[in-house]
PDB file of N, CA and C in Angstrom:
ATOM      1  N   UNK A   1      68.384  89.195  20.330  1.00  0.00           N
ATOM      2  CA  UNK A   1      69.773  89.562  20.484  1.00  0.00           C
ATOM      3  C   UNK A   1      69.937  91.079  20.438  1.00  0.00           C
ATOM      4  N   UNK A   2      69.115  91.729  19.633  1.00  0.00           N
ATOM      5  CA  UNK A   2      69.175  93.189  19.551  1.00  0.00           C
ATOM      6  C   UNK A   2      68.813  93.794  20.904  1.00  0.00           C
ATOM      7  N   UNK A   3      67.755  93.270  21.535  1.00  0.00           N
ATOM      8  CA  UNK A   3      67.351  93.794  22.838  1.00  0.00           C
ATOM      9  C   UNK A   3      68.422  93.523  23.896  1.00  0.00           C
ATOM     10  N   UNK A   4      69.012  92.333  23.871  1.00  0.00           N
ATOM     11  CA  UNK A   4      70.085  92.023  24.826  1.00  0.00           C
ATOM     12  C   UNK A   4      71.218  93.025  24.690  1.00  0.00           C
ATOM     13  N   UNK A   5      71.638  93.258  23.466  1.00  0.00           N
ATOM     14  CA  UNK A   5      72.742  94.198  23.236  1.00  0.00           C
ATOM     15  C   UNK A   5      72.362  95.610  23.677  1.00  0.00           C
ATOM     16  N   UNK A   6      71.133  96.022  23.399  1.00  0.00           N
ATOM     17  CA  UNK A   6      70.679  97.348  23.841  1.00  0.00           C
ATOM     18  C   UNK A   6      70.661  97.454  25.357  1.00  0.00           C
ATOM     19  N   UNK A   7      70.196  96.396  26.036  1.00  0.00           N
ATOM     20  CA  UNK A   7      70.162  96.396  27.503  1.00  0.00           C
ATOM     21  C   UNK A   7      71.578  96.488  28.084  1.00  0.00           C
ATOM     22  N   UNK A   8      72.494  95.738  27.509  1.00  0.00           N
ATOM     23  CA  UNK A   8      73.880  95.787  27.991  1.00  0.00           C
ATOM     24  C   UNK A   8      74.444  97.187  27.822  1.00  0.00           C
ATOM     25  N   UNK A   9      74.269  97.764  26.637  1.00  0.00           N
ATOM     26  CA  UNK A   9      74.761  99.138  26.402  1.00  0.00           C
ATOM     27  C   UNK A   9      74.151 100.119  27.400  1.00  0.00           C
ATOM     28  N   UNK A  10      72.819 100.024  27.575  1.00  0.00           N
ATOM     29  CA  UNK A  10      72.117 100.932  28.485  1.00  0.00           C
ATOM     30  C   UNK A  10      72.678 100.835  29.898  1.00  0.00           C
ATOM     31  N   UNK A  11      72.913  99.618  30.358  1.00  0.00           N
ATOM     32  CA  UNK A  11      73.374  99.444  31.737  1.00  0.00           C
ATOM     33  C   UNK A  11      74.861  99.758  31.898  1.00  0.00           C
ATOM     34  N   UNK A  12      75.622  99.596  30.848  1.00  0.00           N
ATOM     35  CA  UNK A  12      77.027 100.026  30.918  1.00  0.00           C
ATOM     36  C   UNK A  12      77.070 101.539  31.064  1.00  0.00           C
ATOM     37  N   UNK A  13      76.256 102.238  30.263  1.00  0.00           N
ATOM     38  CA  UNK A  13      76.223 103.704  30.314  1.00  0.00           C
ATOM     39  C   UNK A  13      75.682 104.189  31.652  1.00  0.00           C
ATOM     40  N   UNK A  14      74.565 103.609  32.107  1.00  0.00           N
ATOM     41  CA  UNK A  14      73.941 104.049  33.363  1.00  0.00           C
ATOM     42  C   UNK A  14      74.808 103.712  34.561  1.00  0.00           C
ATOM     43  N   UNK A  15      75.459 102.562  34.513  1.00  0.00           N
ATOM     44  CA  UNK A  15      76.336 102.166  35.605  1.00  0.00           C
ATOM     45  C   UNK A  15      75.612 101.939  36.911  1.00  0.00           C
ATOM     46  N   UNK A  16      76.399 101.931  37.961  1.00  0.00           N
ATOM     47  CA  UNK A  16      75.913 101.697  39.311  1.00  0.00           C
ATOM     48  C   UNK A  16      76.355 102.861  40.176  1.00  0.00           C
ATOM     49  N   UNK A  17      75.412 103.724  40.503  1.00  0.00           N
ATOM     50  CA  UNK A  17      75.713 104.909  41.312  1.00  0.00           C
ATOM     51  C   UNK A  17      76.811 105.758  40.681  1.00  0.00           C
ATOM     52  N   UNK A  18      76.691 105.958  39.375  1.00  0.00           N
ATOM     53  CA  UNK A  18      77.636 106.830  38.684  1.00  0.00           C
ATOM     54  C   UNK A  18      78.914 106.158  38.216  1.00  0.00           C
ATOM     55  N   UNK A  19      79.092 104.896  38.545  1.00  0.00           N
ATOM     56  CA  UNK A  19      80.285 104.167  38.094  1.00  0.00           C
ATOM     57  C   UNK A  19      79.874 103.109  37.087  1.00  0.00           C
ATOM     58  N   UNK A  20      80.686 102.880  36.050  1.00  0.00           N
ATOM     59  CA  UNK A  20      80.332 101.839  35.078  1.00  0.00           C
ATOM     60  C   UNK A  20      80.346 100.463  35.721  1.00  0.00           C
ATOM     61  N   UNK A  21      79.471  99.587  35.223  1.00  0.00           N
ATOM     62  CA  UNK A  21      79.453  98.214  35.692  1.00  0.00           C
ATOM     63  C   UNK A  21      80.741  97.530  35.293  1.00  0.00           C
ATOM     64  N   UNK A  22      81.330  96.762  36.194  1.00  0.00           N
ATOM     65  CA  UNK A  22      82.561  96.038  35.900  1.00  0.00           C
ATOM     66  C   UNK A  22      82.280  94.607  35.471  1.00  0.00           C
ATOM     67  N   UNK A  23      81.163  94.041  35.912  1.00  0.00           N
ATOM     68  CA  UNK A  23      80.823  92.665  35.567  1.00  0.00           C
ATOM     69  C   UNK A  23      79.380  92.608  35.093  1.00  0.00           C
ATOM     70  N   UNK A  24      79.210  92.071  33.910  1.00  0.00           N
ATOM     71  CA  UNK A  24      77.877  91.877  33.356  1.00  0.00           C
ATOM     72  C   UNK A  24      77.738  90.395  33.038  1.00  0.00           C
ATOM     73  N   UNK A  25      76.692  89.768  33.559  1.00  0.00           N
ATOM     74  CA  UNK A  25      76.434  88.355  33.320  1.00  0.00           C
ATOM     75  C   UNK A  25      75.331  88.210  32.279  1.00  0.00           C
ATOM     76  N   UNK A  26      75.560  87.318  31.343  1.00  0.00           N
ATOM     77  CA  UNK A  26      74.520  86.884  30.419  1.00  0.00           C
ATOM     78  C   UNK A  26      74.209  85.449  30.833  1.00  0.00           C
ATOM     79  N   UNK A  27      72.979  85.202  31.248  1.00  0.00           N
ATOM     80  CA  UNK A  27      72.588  83.884  31.751  1.00  0.00           C
ATOM     81  C   UNK A  27      71.509  83.324  30.824  1.00  0.00           C
ATOM     82  N   UNK A  28      71.814  82.176  30.205  1.00  0.00           N
ATOM     83  CA  UNK A  28      70.873  81.570  29.261  1.00  0.00           C
ATOM     84  C   UNK A  28      70.810  80.062  29.453  1.00  0.00           C
ATOM     85  N   UNK A  29      69.729  79.487  28.970  1.00  0.00           N
ATOM     86  CA  UNK A  29      69.614  78.031  28.885  1.00  0.00           C
ATOM     87  C   UNK A  29      69.984  77.631  27.466  1.00  0.00           C
ATOM     88  N   UNK A  30      70.599  76.476  27.311  1.00  0.00           N
ATOM     89  CA  UNK A  30      70.934  75.988  25.982  1.00  0.00           C
ATOM     90  C   UNK A  30      69.686  75.699  25.179  1.00  0.00           C
ATOM     91  N   UNK A  31      68.731  75.013  25.808  1.00  0.00           N
ATOM     92  CA  UNK A  31      67.428  74.745  25.208  1.00  0.00           C
ATOM     93  C   UNK A  31      66.372  75.098  26.242  1.00  0.00           C
ATOM     94  N   UNK A  32      65.402  75.891  25.814  1.00  0.00           N
ATOM     95  CA  UNK A  32      64.295  76.243  26.689  1.00  0.00           C
ATOM     96  C   UNK A  32      63.232  75.158  26.525  1.00  0.00           C
ATOM     97  N   UNK A  33      63.112  74.303  27.527  1.00  0.00           N
ATOM     98  CA  UNK A  33      62.303  73.090  27.407  1.00  0.00           C
ATOM     99  C   UNK A  33      60.827  73.364  27.152  1.00  0.00           C
ATOM    100  N   UNK A  34      60.292  74.434  27.652  1.00  0.00           N
ATOM    101  CA  UNK A  34      58.871  74.713  27.459  1.00  0.00           C
ATOM    102  C   UNK A  34      58.568  75.109  26.015  1.00  0.00           C
ATOM    103  N   UNK A  35      59.525  75.736  25.354  1.00  0.00           N
ATOM    104  CA  UNK A  35      59.326  76.200  23.977  1.00  0.00           C
ATOM    105  C   UNK A  35      60.046  75.324  22.964  1.00  0.00           C
ATOM    106  N   UNK A  36      61.119  74.678  23.400  1.00  0.00           N
ATOM    107  CA  UNK A  36      61.939  73.899  22.488  1.00  0.00           C
ATOM    108  C   UNK A  36      62.884  74.750  21.683  1.00  0.00           C
ATOM    109  N   UNK A  37      62.955  76.037  22.012  1.00  0.00           N
ATOM    110  CA  UNK A  37      63.866  76.915  21.280  1.00  0.00           C
ATOM    111  C   UNK A  37      65.273  76.797  21.848  1.00  0.00           C
ATOM    112  N   UNK A  38      66.250  77.015  20.994  1.00  0.00           N
ATOM    113  CA  UNK A  38      67.650  76.861  21.361  1.00  0.00           C
ATOM    114  C   UNK A  38      68.314  78.237  21.446  1.00  0.00           C
ATOM    115  N   UNK A  39      69.210  78.376  22.398  1.00  0.00           N
ATOM    116  CA  UNK A  39      69.960  79.623  22.530  1.00  0.00           C
ATOM    117  C   UNK A  39      70.751  79.865  21.255  1.00  0.00           C
ATOM    118  N   UNK A  40      70.807  81.111  20.837  1.00  0.00           N
ATOM    119  CA  UNK A  40      71.576  81.464  19.641  1.00  0.00           C
ATOM    120  C   UNK A  40      73.017  81.726  20.063  1.00  0.00           C
ATOM    121  N   UNK A  41      73.694  80.633  20.334  1.00  0.00           N
ATOM    122  CA  UNK A  41      75.020  80.673  20.948  1.00  0.00           C
ATOM    123  C   UNK A  41      76.049  81.478  20.169  1.00  0.00           C
ATOM    124  N   UNK A  42      76.139  81.363  18.848  1.00  0.00           N
ATOM    125  CA  UNK A  42      77.139  82.180  18.141  1.00  0.00           C
ATOM    126  C   UNK A  42      76.954  83.679  18.377  1.00  0.00           C
ATOM    127  N   UNK A  43      75.703  84.143  18.391  1.00  0.00           N
ATOM    128  CA  UNK A  43      75.439  85.560  18.632  1.00  0.00           C
ATOM    129  C   UNK A  43      75.744  85.936  20.075  1.00  0.00           C
ATOM    130  N   UNK A  44      75.419  85.045  21.015  1.00  0.00           N
ATOM    131  CA  UNK A  44      75.715  85.312  22.426  1.00  0.00           C
ATOM    132  C   UNK A  44      77.218  85.423  22.657  1.00  0.00           C
ATOM    133  N   UNK A  45      77.987  84.568  22.009  1.00  0.00           N
ATOM    134  CA  UNK A  45      79.458  84.623  22.134  1.00  0.00           C
ATOM    135  C   UNK A  45      79.976  85.954  21.602  1.00  0.00           C
ATOM    136  N   UNK A  46      79.443  86.385  20.446  1.00  0.00           N
ATOM    137  CA  UNK A  46      79.880  87.663  19.883  1.00  0.00           C
ATOM    138  C   UNK A  46      79.606  88.820  20.853  1.00  0.00           C
ATOM    139  N   UNK A  47      78.397  88.857  21.420  1.00  0.00           N
ATOM    140  CA  UNK A  47      78.031  89.928  22.357  1.00  0.00           C
ATOM    141  C   UNK A  47      78.886  89.851  23.609  1.00  0.00           C
ATOM    142  N   UNK A  48      79.060  88.656  24.137  1.00  0.00           N
ATOM    143  CA  UNK A  48      79.888  88.462  25.341  1.00  0.00           C
ATOM    144  C   UNK A  48      81.289  89.008  25.119  1.00  0.00           C
ATOM    145  N   UNK A  49      81.873  88.670  23.988  1.00  0.00           N
ATOM    146  CA  UNK A  49      83.244  89.100  23.711  1.00  0.00           C
ATOM    147  C   UNK A  49      83.328  90.603  23.446  1.00  0.00           C
ATOM    148  N   UNK A  50      82.335  91.137  22.754  1.00  0.00           N
ATOM    149  CA  UNK A  50      82.352  92.569  22.429  1.00  0.00           C
ATOM    150  C   UNK A  50      82.262  93.445  23.677  1.00  0.00           C
ATOM    151  N   UNK A  51      81.466  93.011  24.661  1.00  0.00           N
ATOM    152  CA  UNK A  51      81.233  93.840  25.852  1.00  0.00           C
ATOM    153  C   UNK A  51      81.959  93.331  27.091  1.00  0.00           C
ATOM    154  N   UNK A  52      82.743  92.285  26.951  1.00  0.00           N
ATOM    155  CA  UNK A  52      83.476  91.758  28.098  1.00  0.00           C
ATOM    156  C   UNK A  52      82.573  91.159  29.158  1.00  0.00           C
ATOM    157  N   UNK A  53      81.454  90.616  28.739  1.00  0.00           N
ATOM    158  CA  UNK A  53      80.495  90.030  29.683  1.00  0.00           C
ATOM    159  C   UNK A  53      80.911  88.606  30.049  1.00  0.00           C
ATOM    160  N   UNK A  54      80.259  88.073  31.045  1.00  0.00           N
ATOM    161  CA  UNK A  54      80.474  86.699  31.499  1.00  0.00           C
ATOM    162  C   UNK A  54      79.256  85.896  31.062  1.00  0.00           C
ATOM    163  N   UNK A  55      79.488  84.795  30.351  1.00  0.00           N
ATOM    164  CA  UNK A  55      78.391  83.984  29.841  1.00  0.00           C
ATOM    165  C   UNK A  55      78.217  82.734  30.685  1.00  0.00           C
ATOM    166  N   UNK A  56      76.997  82.583  31.246  1.00  0.00           N
ATOM    167  CA  UNK A  56      76.601  81.396  32.015  1.00  0.00           C
ATOM    168  C   UNK A  56      75.618  80.629  31.145  1.00  0.00           C
ATOM    169  N   UNK A  57      75.970  79.385  30.815  1.00  0.00           N
ATOM    170  CA  UNK A  57      75.130  78.555  29.956  1.00  0.00           C
ATOM    171  C   UNK A  57      74.620  77.353  30.741  1.00  0.00           C
ATOM    172  N   UNK A  58      73.308  77.268  30.868  1.00  0.00           N
ATOM    173  CA  UNK A  58      72.667  76.148  31.553  1.00  0.00           C
ATOM    174  C   UNK A  58      72.346  75.088  30.502  1.00  0.00           C
ATOM    175  N   UNK A  59      73.060  73.987  30.545  1.00  0.00           N
ATOM    176  CA  UNK A  59      72.892  72.909  29.577  1.00  0.00           C
ATOM    177  C   UNK A  59      72.071  71.742  30.140  1.00  0.00           C
ATOM    178  N   UNK A  60      71.304  71.967  31.184  1.00  0.00           N
ATOM    179  CA  UNK A  60      70.564  70.883  31.840  1.00  0.00           C
ATOM    180  C   UNK A  60      69.639  70.132  30.887  1.00  0.00           C
ATOM    181  N   UNK A  61      69.047  70.822  29.915  1.00  0.00           N
ATOM    182  CA  UNK A  61      68.144  70.157  28.985  1.00  0.00           C
ATOM    183  C   UNK A  61      68.841  69.737  27.697  1.00  0.00           C
ATOM    184  N   UNK A  62      70.152  69.935  27.623  1.00  0.00           N
ATOM    185  CA  UNK A  62      70.893  69.647  26.392  1.00  0.00           C
ATOM    186  C   UNK A  62      71.820  68.448  26.514  1.00  0.00           C
ATOM    187  N   UNK A  63      72.480  68.325  27.648  1.00  0.00           N
ATOM    188  CA  UNK A  63      73.466  67.257  27.809  1.00  0.00           C
ATOM    189  C   UNK A  63      72.824  65.904  27.549  1.00  0.00           C
ATOM    190  N   UNK A  64      73.418  65.166  26.662  1.00  0.00           N
ATOM    191  CA  UNK A  64      72.923  63.849  26.328  1.00  0.00           C
ATOM    192  C   UNK A  64      71.869  63.821  25.243  1.00  0.00           C
ATOM    193  N   UNK A  65      71.351  64.990  24.845  1.00  0.00           N
ATOM    194  CA  UNK A  65      70.281  64.972  23.844  1.00  0.00           C
ATOM    195  C   UNK A  65      70.484  65.930  22.675  1.00  0.00           C
ATOM    196  N   UNK A  66      71.386  66.878  22.779  1.00  0.00           N
ATOM    197  CA  UNK A  66      71.620  67.842  21.697  1.00  0.00           C
ATOM    198  C   UNK A  66      73.063  67.714  21.235  1.00  0.00           C
ATOM    199  N   UNK A  67      73.256  67.830  19.940  1.00  0.00           N
ATOM    200  CA  UNK A  67      74.587  67.683  19.369  1.00  0.00           C
ATOM    201  C   UNK A  67      74.792  66.262  18.866  1.00  0.00           C
ATOM    202  N   UNK A  68      75.736  66.093  17.964  1.00  0.00           N
ATOM    203  CA  UNK A  68      75.968  64.784  17.336  1.00  0.00           C
ATOM    204  C   UNK A  68      76.238  63.680  18.346  1.00  0.00           C
ATOM    205  N   UNK A  69      76.971  64.001  19.411  1.00  0.00           N
ATOM    206  CA  UNK A  69      77.270  62.992  20.428  1.00  0.00           C
ATOM    207  C   UNK A  69      76.674  63.336  21.786  1.00  0.00           C
ATOM    208  N   UNK A  70      75.730  64.301  21.811  1.00  0.00           N
ATOM    209  CA  UNK A  70      75.037  64.640  23.049  1.00  0.00           C
ATOM    210  C   UNK A  70      75.779  65.581  23.974  1.00  0.00           C
ATOM    211  N   UNK A  71      76.683  66.360  23.428  1.00  0.00           N
ATOM    212  CA  UNK A  71      77.455  67.276  24.279  1.00  0.00           C
ATOM    213  C   UNK A  71      76.850  68.672  24.387  1.00  0.00           C
ATOM    214  N   UNK A  72      75.649  68.850  23.907  1.00  0.00           N
ATOM    215  CA  UNK A  72      74.940  70.105  24.120  1.00  0.00           C
ATOM    216  C   UNK A  72      75.031  71.090  22.972  1.00  0.00           C
ATOM    217  N   UNK A  73      74.582  72.321  23.240  1.00  0.00           N
ATOM    218  CA  UNK A  73      74.523  73.330  22.185  1.00  0.00           C
ATOM    219  C   UNK A  73      75.902  73.760  21.706  1.00  0.00           C
ATOM    220  N   UNK A  74      76.906  73.658  22.559  1.00  0.00           N
ATOM    221  CA  UNK A  74      78.252  73.997  22.078  1.00  0.00           C
ATOM    222  C   UNK A  74      78.636  73.061  20.942  1.00  0.00           C
ATOM    223  N   UNK A  75      78.373  71.784  21.099  1.00  0.00           N
ATOM    224  CA  UNK A  75      78.661  70.828  20.036  1.00  0.00           C
ATOM    225  C   UNK A  75      77.762  71.073  18.830  1.00  0.00           C
ATOM    226  N   UNK A  76      76.495  71.336  19.069  1.00  0.00           N
ATOM    227  CA  UNK A  76      75.538  71.588  17.986  1.00  0.00           C
ATOM    228  C   UNK A  76      76.038  72.714  17.074  1.00  0.00           C
ATOM    229  N   UNK A  77      76.556  73.788  17.670  1.00  0.00           N
ATOM    230  CA  UNK A  77      77.025  74.937  16.896  1.00  0.00           C
ATOM    231  C   UNK A  77      78.509  74.856  16.532  1.00  0.00           C
ATOM    232  N   UNK A  78      79.199  73.820  17.000  1.00  0.00           N
ATOM    233  CA  UNK A  78      80.624  73.694  16.708  1.00  0.00           C
ATOM    234  C   UNK A  78      81.473  74.733  17.422  1.00  0.00           C
ATOM    235  N   UNK A  79      81.069  75.091  18.634  1.00  0.00           N
ATOM    236  CA  UNK A  79      81.769  76.101  19.435  1.00  0.00           C
ATOM    237  C   UNK A  79      82.480  75.403  20.585  1.00  0.00           C
ATOM    238  N   UNK A  80      83.728  75.773  20.809  1.00  0.00           N
ATOM    239  CA  UNK A  80      84.486  75.177  21.900  1.00  0.00           C
ATOM    240  C   UNK A  80      83.861  75.564  23.243  1.00  0.00           C
ATOM    241  N   UNK A  81      83.697  74.611  24.159  1.00  0.00           N
ATOM    242  CA  UNK A  81      83.189  74.939  25.499  1.00  0.00           C
ATOM    243  C   UNK A  81      84.092  75.937  26.230  1.00  0.00           C
ATOM    244  N   UNK A  82      85.326  76.075  25.780  1.00  0.00           N
ATOM    245  CA  UNK A  82      86.241  77.037  26.407  1.00  0.00           C
ATOM    246  C   UNK A  82      85.777  78.477  26.205  1.00  0.00           C
ATOM    247  N   UNK A  83      84.888  78.714  25.247  1.00  0.00           N
ATOM    248  CA  UNK A  83      84.359  80.066  25.021  1.00  0.00           C
ATOM    249  C   UNK A  83      83.250  80.420  26.012  1.00  0.00           C
ATOM    250  N   UNK A  84      82.794  79.430  26.775  1.00  0.00           N
ATOM    251  CA  UNK A  84      81.746  79.642  27.776  1.00  0.00           C
ATOM    252  C   UNK A  84      82.428  79.827  29.129  1.00  0.00           C
ATOM    253  N   UNK A  85      82.066  80.869  29.847  1.00  0.00           N
ATOM    254  CA  UNK A  85      82.710  81.142  31.132  1.00  0.00           C
ATOM    255  C   UNK A  85      82.247  80.180  32.221  1.00  0.00           C
ATOM    256  N   UNK A  86      80.934  79.962  32.299  1.00  0.00           N
ATOM    257  CA  UNK A  86      80.375  79.060  33.304  1.00  0.00           C
ATOM    258  C   UNK A  86      79.340  78.192  32.596  1.00  0.00           C
ATOM    259  N   UNK A  87      79.499  76.883  32.724  1.00  0.00           N
ATOM    260  CA  UNK A  87      78.541  75.965  32.102  1.00  0.00           C
ATOM    261  C   UNK A  87      78.048  74.988  33.154  1.00  0.00           C
ATOM    262  N   UNK A  88      76.735  74.800  33.196  1.00  0.00           N
ATOM    263  CA  UNK A  88      76.130  73.876  34.133  1.00  0.00           C
ATOM    264  C   UNK A  88      75.364  72.843  33.331  1.00  0.00           C
ATOM    265  N   UNK A  89      75.417  71.612  33.760  1.00  0.00           N
ATOM    266  CA  UNK A  89      74.659  70.590  33.067  1.00  0.00           C
ATOM    267  C   UNK A  89      74.420  69.387  33.964  1.00  0.00           C
ATOM    268  N   UNK A  90      73.414  68.636  33.618  1.00  0.00           N
ATOM    269  CA  UNK A  90      73.114  67.381  34.302  1.00  0.00           C
ATOM    270  C   UNK A  90      72.906  66.330  33.221  1.00  0.00           C
ATOM    271  N   UNK A  91      72.730  65.108  33.622  1.00  0.00           N
ATOM    272  CA  UNK A  91      72.451  64.059  32.662  1.00  0.00           C
ATOM    273  C   UNK A  91      71.007  63.571  32.794  1.00  0.00           C
ATOM    274  N   UNK A  92      70.149  64.381  33.383  1.00  0.00           N
ATOM    275  CA  UNK A  92      68.762  64.008  33.631  1.00  0.00           C
ATOM    276  C   UNK A  92      67.962  63.816  32.345  1.00  0.00           C
ATOM    277  N   UNK A  93      68.335  64.503  31.278  1.00  0.00           N
ATOM    278  CA  UNK A  93      67.574  64.424  30.027  1.00  0.00           C
ATOM    279  C   UNK A  93      68.266  63.540  28.986  1.00  0.00           C
ATOM    280  N   UNK A  94      69.253  62.776  29.393  1.00  0.00           N
ATOM    281  CA  UNK A  94      70.013  61.955  28.445  1.00  0.00           C
ATOM    282  C   UNK A  94      69.120  60.922  27.760  1.00  0.00           C
ATOM    283  N   UNK A  95      69.403  60.731  26.507  1.00  0.00           N
ATOM    284  CA  UNK A  95      68.687  59.680  25.769  1.00  0.00           C
ATOM    285  C   UNK A  95      69.417  58.360  25.975  1.00  0.00           C
ATOM    286  N   UNK A  96      68.687  57.269  26.019  1.00  0.00           N
ATOM    287  CA  UNK A  96      69.350  55.970  26.202  1.00  0.00           C
ATOM    288  C   UNK A  96      70.183  55.602  24.982  1.00  0.00           C
ATOM    289  N   UNK A  97      71.270  54.869  25.205  1.00  0.00           N
ATOM    290  CA  UNK A  97      72.110  54.484  24.063  1.00  0.00           C
ATOM    291  C   UNK A  97      71.670  53.195  23.423  1.00  0.00           C
TER     292      UNK A  97
END
């Protein structure tokens, strides 16, 4: 998270051809399937809000398998999906009921 924040600051300052960036996207997966690590969503939300970035959350490996009722990392962390700007998900990894 420290590196992400440093990169955002660096690119805001450097800008694009002398002008500050107007749109910064943070693109993450809810769960990285190869490692099994989970996005640190509370910290990502804080950074997104502090810098006015747009957060894209890929929940393809989370929907149906993470959270008390399978609604993904937003449910796992108790964060409203309304705090996510763009969310993508499939039901390919759903656990059977």
